[in-house]
Amino acid sequence: MLGSNILEESMLNDTLTALRDNDRFAVSSAQAIMLIDGWLQALQGDSNLDQLKGQLGELRTALQAAQPDESYIRELLVSLADKTQAVAEDPISEGTWTGGLESLSKILRHLGRKS
């Protein structure tokens, strides 16, 4: 389950810092890909999160496209926000970790709804 190891917690902190420190939660595609790669590594081996990992992979691919489909990327961000919120609300999620996940969910949702 998410939040069960130091790498996951580190990725959450790094992601929140990167998104909060940039103007209006914007990061470059290269920064986003680095964050996604970190998450994919952190979540490796957790079969409960295969769907989340799959969507992260889709987002990574979409960001690397010669002409990224912004609409599709926004859809993925909103979907990831929903999944992140669900993990935060899971009965076995605990501690300050859940607050960070809720913050990340809000940021992802905001990014996904930007025009």
C-alpha atoms as a PDB file:
ATOM      1  CA  MET A   1       0.000   0.000   0.000  1.00  0.00           C
ATOM      2  CA  LEU A   2       1.151   3.489  -0.819  1.00  0.00           C
ATOM      3  CA  GLY A   3       3.058   5.194   1.971  1.00  0.00           C
ATOM      4  CA  SER A   4       4.656   2.050   3.223  1.00  0.00           C
ATOM      5  CA  ASN A   5       8.228   2.905   2.354  1.00  0.00           C
ATOM      6  CA  ILE A   6      10.667   5.761   2.551  1.00  0.00           C
ATOM      7  CA  LEU A   7      11.023   6.088  -1.230  1.00  0.00           C
ATOM      8  CA  GLU A   8       7.275   6.657  -1.619  1.00  0.00           C
ATOM      9  CA  GLU A   9       7.300   9.284   1.111  1.00  0.00           C
ATOM     10  CA  SER A  10      10.322  10.946  -0.460  1.00  0.00           C
ATOM     11  CA  MET A  11       8.606  11.022  -3.859  1.00  0.00           C
ATOM     12  CA  LEU A  12       5.493  12.554  -2.341  1.00  0.00           C
ATOM     13  CA  ASN A  13       7.546  15.282  -0.691  1.00  0.00           C
ATOM     14  CA  ASP A  14       9.610  15.879  -3.839  1.00  0.00           C
ATOM     15  CA  THR A  15       6.498  16.052  -6.006  1.00  0.00           C
ATOM     16  CA  LEU A  16       4.676  18.441  -3.710  1.00  0.00           C
ATOM     17  CA  THR A  17       7.770  20.632  -3.447  1.00  0.00           C
ATOM     18  CA  ALA A  18       8.268  20.711  -7.221  1.00  0.00           C
ATOM     19  CA  LEU A  19       4.650  21.555  -7.898  1.00  0.00           C
ATOM     20  CA  ARG A  20       4.310  24.113  -5.125  1.00  0.00           C
ATOM     21  CA  ASP A  21       7.595  25.871  -5.881  1.00  0.00           C
ATOM     22  CA  ASN A  22       6.722  26.547  -9.495  1.00  0.00           C
ATOM     23  CA  ASP A  23       4.482  29.330 -10.678  1.00  0.00           C
ATOM     24  CA  ARG A  24       0.889  28.121 -10.704  1.00  0.00           C
ATOM     25  CA  PHE A  25       1.881  24.488 -10.183  1.00  0.00           C
ATOM     26  CA  ALA A  26       3.561  24.318 -13.590  1.00  0.00           C
ATOM     27  CA  VAL A  27       6.524  22.072 -14.286  1.00  0.00           C
ATOM     28  CA  SER A  28       8.252  21.320 -17.554  1.00  0.00           C
ATOM     29  CA  SER A  29       7.669  18.054 -19.367  1.00  0.00           C
ATOM     30  CA  ALA A  30      11.216  17.010 -18.476  1.00  0.00           C
ATOM     31  CA  GLN A  31      10.594  17.697 -14.774  1.00  0.00           C
ATOM     32  CA  ALA A  32       7.290  15.837 -14.910  1.00  0.00           C
ATOM     33  CA  ILE A  33       8.928  12.832 -16.564  1.00  0.00           C
ATOM     34  CA  MET A  34      11.621  12.763 -13.878  1.00  0.00           C
ATOM     35  CA  LEU A  35       8.935  12.811 -11.187  1.00  0.00           C
ATOM     36  CA  ILE A  36       6.968  10.075 -12.953  1.00  0.00           C
ATOM     37  CA  ASP A  37      10.099   7.927 -13.239  1.00  0.00           C
ATOM     38  CA  GLY A  38      10.687   8.385  -9.526  1.00  0.00           C
ATOM     39  CA  TRP A  39       7.124   7.355  -8.742  1.00  0.00           C
ATOM     40  CA  LEU A  40       7.331   4.311 -10.995  1.00  0.00           C
ATOM     41  CA  GLN A  41      10.474   3.242  -9.171  1.00  0.00           C
ATOM     42  CA  ALA A  42       8.956   3.933  -5.751  1.00  0.00           C
ATOM     43  CA  LEU A  43       5.808   1.953  -6.556  1.00  0.00           C
ATOM     44  CA  GLN A  44       7.664  -0.967  -8.105  1.00  0.00           C
ATOM     45  CA  GLY A  45       6.604  -4.266  -6.613  1.00  0.00           C
ATOM     46  CA  ASP A  46       3.248  -3.055  -5.279  1.00  0.00           C
ATOM     47  CA  SER A  47       0.725  -4.987  -7.352  1.00  0.00           C
ATOM     48  CA  ASN A  48      -2.150  -3.175  -5.614  1.00  0.00           C
ATOM     49  CA  LEU A  49      -1.218  -0.054  -7.546  1.00  0.00           C
ATOM     50  CA  ASP A  50      -0.857  -1.495 -11.049  1.00  0.00           C
ATOM     51  CA  GLN A  51      -3.630   0.708 -12.435  1.00  0.00           C
ATOM     52  CA  LEU A  52      -1.988   3.814 -10.980  1.00  0.00           C
ATOM     53  CA  LYS A  53       1.393   2.767 -12.379  1.00  0.00           C
ATOM     54  CA  GLY A  54      -0.233   2.150 -15.756  1.00  0.00           C
ATOM     55  CA  GLN A  55      -1.653   5.646 -15.851  1.00  0.00           C
ATOM     56  CA  LEU A  56       1.668   7.133 -14.801  1.00  0.00           C
ATOM     57  CA  GLY A  57       3.236   5.281 -17.718  1.00  0.00           C
ATOM     58  CA  GLU A  58       0.554   6.629 -20.058  1.00  0.00           C
ATOM     59  CA  LEU A  59       1.189  10.157 -18.803  1.00  0.00           C
ATOM     60  CA  ARG A  60       4.924   9.719 -19.294  1.00  0.00           C
ATOM     61  CA  THR A  61       4.363   8.574 -22.879  1.00  0.00           C
ATOM     62  CA  ALA A  62       1.924  11.409 -23.569  1.00  0.00           C
ATOM     63  CA  LEU A  63       4.396  13.995 -22.276  1.00  0.00           C
ATOM     64  CA  GLN A  64       7.141  12.611 -24.520  1.00  0.00           C
ATOM     65  CA  ALA A  65       5.065  12.858 -27.697  1.00  0.00           C
ATOM     66  CA  ALA A  66       6.364  15.149 -30.421  1.00  0.00           C
ATOM     67  CA  GLN A  67       3.112  17.090 -30.102  1.00  0.00           C
ATOM     68  CA  PRO A  68       1.586  16.273 -26.711  1.00  0.00           C
ATOM     69  CA  ASP A  69      -2.206  15.998 -26.641  1.00  0.00           C
ATOM     70  CA  GLU A  70      -2.992  18.497 -23.897  1.00  0.00           C
ATOM     71  CA  SER A  71      -6.594  17.375 -23.585  1.00  0.00           C
ATOM     72  CA  TYR A  72      -5.559  13.753 -23.030  1.00  0.00           C
ATOM     73  CA  ILE A  73      -2.882  14.830 -20.549  1.00  0.00           C
ATOM     74  CA  ARG A  74      -5.480  16.808 -18.596  1.00  0.00           C
ATOM     75  CA  GLU A  75      -7.776  13.754 -18.553  1.00  0.00           C
ATOM     76  CA  LEU A  76      -4.940  11.635 -17.182  1.00  0.00           C
ATOM     77  CA  LEU A  77      -4.168  14.222 -14.504  1.00  0.00           C
ATOM     78  CA  VAL A  78      -7.787  14.286 -13.321  1.00  0.00           C
ATOM     79  CA  SER A  79      -7.904  10.493 -13.292  1.00  0.00           C
ATOM     80  CA  LEU A  80      -4.650  10.361 -11.317  1.00  0.00           C
ATOM     81  CA  ALA A  81      -6.113  12.935  -8.925  1.00  0.00           C
ATOM     82  CA  ASP A  82      -9.122  10.666  -8.363  1.00  0.00           C
ATOM     83  CA  LYS A  83      -6.916   7.636  -7.738  1.00  0.00           C
ATOM     84  CA  THR A  84      -4.642   9.598  -5.409  1.00  0.00           C
ATOM     85  CA  GLN A  85      -7.650  10.801  -3.423  1.00  0.00           C
ATOM     86  CA  ALA A  86      -8.958   7.238  -3.186  1.00  0.00           C
ATOM     87  CA  VAL A  87      -5.627   6.041  -1.792  1.00  0.00           C
ATOM     88  CA  ALA A  88      -5.624   8.906   0.721  1.00  0.00           C
ATOM     89  CA  GLU A  89      -9.114   7.927   1.871  1.00  0.00           C
ATOM     90  CA  ASP A  90      -8.357   4.204   2.065  1.00  0.00           C
ATOM     91  CA  PRO A  91      -8.988   2.877   5.578  1.00  0.00           C
ATOM     92  CA  ILE A  92      -5.460   1.483   5.799  1.00  0.00           C
ATOM     93  CA  SER A  93      -3.815   4.805   4.871  1.00  0.00           C
ATOM     94  CA  GLU A  94      -2.543   6.588   7.927  1.00  0.00           C
ATOM     95  CA  GLY A  95      -0.589   9.477   9.347  1.00  0.00           C
ATOM     96  CA  THR A  96       0.601  12.673   7.729  1.00  0.00           C
ATOM     97  CA  TRP A  97       0.994  10.719   4.512  1.00  0.00           C
ATOM     98  CA  THR A  98      -2.738  11.015   3.821  1.00  0.00           C
ATOM     99  CA  GLY A  99      -2.680  14.809   4.040  1.00  0.00           C
ATOM    100  CA  GLY A 100       0.126  14.932   1.500  1.00  0.00           C
ATOM    101  CA  LEU A 101      -1.796  12.660  -0.837  1.00  0.00           C
ATOM    102  CA  GLU A 102      -4.871  14.862  -0.503  1.00  0.00           C
ATOM    103  CA  SER A 103      -2.758  17.912  -1.353  1.00  0.00           C
ATOM    104  CA  LEU A 104      -1.295  16.123  -4.360  1.00  0.00           C
ATOM    105  CA  SER A 105      -4.773  15.120  -5.484  1.00  0.00           C
ATOM    106  CA  LYS A 106      -5.935  18.742  -5.368  1.00  0.00           C
ATOM    107  CA  ILE A 107      -2.902  19.935  -7.324  1.00  0.00           C
ATOM    108  CA  LEU A 108      -3.320  17.231  -9.980  1.00  0.00           C
ATOM    109  CA  ARG A 109      -7.012  18.056 -10.287  1.00  0.00           C
ATOM    110  CA  HIS A 110      -6.184  21.757 -10.659  1.00  0.00           C
ATOM    111  CA  LEU A 111      -3.617  20.992 -13.363  1.00  0.00           C
ATOM    112  CA  GLY A 112      -6.078  18.737 -15.149  1.00  0.00           C
ATOM    113  CA  ARG A 113      -8.766  21.385 -15.218  1.00  0.00           C
ATOM    114  CA  LYS A 114      -6.563  24.262 -16.352  1.00  0.00           C
ATOM    115  CA  SER A 115      -7.282  25.511 -19.822  1.00  0.00           C
END
